[in-house]
Amino acid sequence: MTVIVLTHCPVGLRGFLTRWLLEISPGVFLGNPSARVRDALWDEVRQYAGNGRALLAYSTNSEQGYTFRTHDHKWHPVDHEGLTLILRPAERSATESESPSPGWSKASKRRRFGNGAP
């Protein structure tokens, strides 16, 4: 089983994928092509995605039973002792961000940004 998910990709790429896979929801393609066709489709997706993002997930003979690839995602797959996990970028906390806008009350600043705020 193969699943390809496109976000903000050209419409022509979606049309290309419908030749090989079934579009079950906008930007979500499902099918069972051979490994050779799947790799060729992924190469086309990476080449023509433009500023969009793409995700490929497919079944394999592994411990998890599947694997996936990403293109221009902030989240990246990482191998951890034989398991593929997702590495998400660290979120900036409110205390690390810029100072609050001038319209905030002193009590609200204390609650949101800690007791050290004016």
Protein backbone atom coordinates (compact mmCIF):
# COMPACT_ATOMS: atom_id res chain seq x y z
CA MET A 1 0.00 0.00 0.00
CA THR A 2 1.29 3.46 -0.89
CA VAL A 3 0.00 6.84 0.33
CA ILE A 4 1.19 10.22 -0.98
CA VAL A 5 0.02 13.44 0.68
CA LEU A 6 0.56 16.77 -1.10
CA THR A 7 0.19 20.23 0.44
CA HIS A 8 0.38 23.46 -1.59
CA CYS A 9 1.56 21.61 -4.73
CA PRO A 10 0.71 22.46 -8.35
CA VAL A 11 -2.57 21.08 -9.71
CA GLY A 12 -0.67 19.45 -12.59
CA LEU A 13 1.20 17.25 -10.16
CA ARG A 14 -2.09 16.06 -8.69
CA GLY A 15 -3.29 15.25 -12.20
CA PHE A 16 -0.10 13.32 -12.90
CA LEU A 17 -0.51 11.19 -9.77
CA THR A 18 -4.12 10.29 -10.65
CA ARG A 19 -2.75 8.23 -13.55
CA TRP A 20 -1.26 5.78 -11.05
CA LEU A 21 -3.05 6.35 -7.74
CA LEU A 22 -6.58 7.08 -6.54
CA GLU A 23 -7.17 10.55 -5.03
CA ILE A 24 -9.35 9.76 -2.01
CA SER A 25 -9.32 13.32 -0.64
CA PRO A 26 -7.83 16.56 -1.99
CA GLY A 27 -4.08 16.01 -2.03
CA VAL A 28 -4.24 12.45 -0.62
CA PHE A 29 -3.39 9.64 -3.04
CA LEU A 30 -3.68 5.91 -2.36
CA GLY A 31 -2.64 2.88 -4.38
CA ASN A 32 -0.54 -0.24 -4.67
CA PRO A 33 2.08 0.36 -7.38
CA SER A 34 5.27 -1.67 -7.67
CA ALA A 35 8.38 -0.44 -5.87
CA ARG A 36 9.87 0.73 -9.15
CA VAL A 37 6.79 2.78 -10.06
CA ARG A 38 6.53 4.14 -6.50
CA ASP A 39 10.13 5.38 -6.61
CA ALA A 40 9.59 6.94 -10.04
CA LEU A 41 6.44 8.70 -8.77
CA TRP A 42 8.30 10.01 -5.71
CA ASP A 43 11.08 11.38 -7.94
CA GLU A 44 8.46 13.23 -10.00
CA VAL A 45 6.75 14.55 -6.87
CA ARG A 46 10.04 15.89 -5.49
CA GLN A 47 10.92 17.49 -8.82
CA TYR A 48 7.58 19.21 -9.44
CA ALA A 49 6.36 19.99 -5.91
CA GLY A 50 7.60 23.58 -6.18
CA ASN A 51 7.05 25.37 -2.87
CA GLY A 52 4.73 22.62 -1.66
CA ARG A 53 5.28 19.78 0.77
CA ALA A 54 4.95 16.07 0.16
CA LEU A 55 4.85 12.91 2.23
CA LEU A 56 5.18 9.33 0.99
CA ALA A 57 4.24 6.39 3.21
CA TYR A 58 4.35 2.78 2.09
CA SER A 59 4.31 -0.71 3.56
CA THR A 60 7.60 -2.59 3.94
CA ASN A 61 8.90 -5.77 5.51
CA SER A 62 10.25 -4.08 8.64
CA GLU A 63 9.55 -4.02 12.37
CA GLN A 64 7.02 -1.21 11.98
CA GLY A 65 5.50 -2.60 8.79
CA TYR A 66 5.79 0.73 6.97
CA THR A 67 8.22 3.52 6.22
CA PHE A 68 7.87 7.05 4.92
CA ARG A 69 9.74 9.86 3.21
CA THR A 70 9.20 13.60 3.39
CA HIS A 71 9.89 16.53 1.09
CA ASP A 72 10.17 20.09 2.46
CA HIS A 73 8.55 19.27 5.79
CA LYS A 74 9.58 20.81 9.09
CA TRP A 75 9.18 17.37 10.66
CA HIS A 76 11.84 14.88 9.58
CA PRO A 77 12.03 11.08 9.90
CA VAL A 78 14.90 9.88 12.10
CA ASP A 79 16.09 6.30 12.60
CA HIS A 80 16.24 5.44 16.31
CA GLU A 81 17.47 1.90 17.01
CA GLY A 82 15.72 0.50 13.95
CA LEU A 83 12.47 2.43 14.37
CA THR A 84 11.62 5.45 12.28
CA LEU A 85 10.43 8.32 14.43
CA ILE A 86 9.45 11.91 13.63
CA LEU A 87 11.73 14.71 14.78
CA ARG A 88 9.71 17.88 15.29
CA PRO A 89 11.45 21.24 15.58
CA ALA A 90 11.47 22.77 19.05
CA GLU A 91 8.74 25.33 19.66
CA ARG A 92 9.80 28.73 20.94
CA SER A 93 8.23 29.35 24.30
CA ALA A 94 6.56 32.64 25.19
CA THR A 95 9.46 33.57 27.48
CA GLU A 96 11.96 33.18 24.61
CA SER A 97 9.92 35.32 22.23
CA GLU A 98 9.94 39.07 21.86
CA SER A 99 8.57 41.22 24.64
CA PRO A 100 4.77 41.46 24.77
CA SER A 101 2.93 44.11 22.81
CA PRO A 102 2.29 47.38 24.68
CA GLY A 103 -1.45 46.77 25.07
CA TRP A 104 -1.08 44.00 27.67
CA SER A 105 -1.93 44.68 31.30
CA LYS A 106 0.74 44.16 33.99
CA ALA A 107 -1.18 41.21 35.47
CA SER A 108 -1.50 39.58 32.05
CA LYS A 109 2.22 40.06 31.40
CA ARG A 110 3.05 38.40 34.71
CA ARG A 111 0.79 35.45 34.01
CA ARG A 112 2.00 34.93 30.47
CA PHE A 113 5.67 35.85 30.66
CA GLY A 114 6.56 35.05 34.27
CA ASN A 115 6.89 37.12 37.38
CA GLY A 116 9.95 39.05 36.16
CA ALA A 117 8.02 41.07 33.55
CA PRO A 118 7.25 44.73 34.35
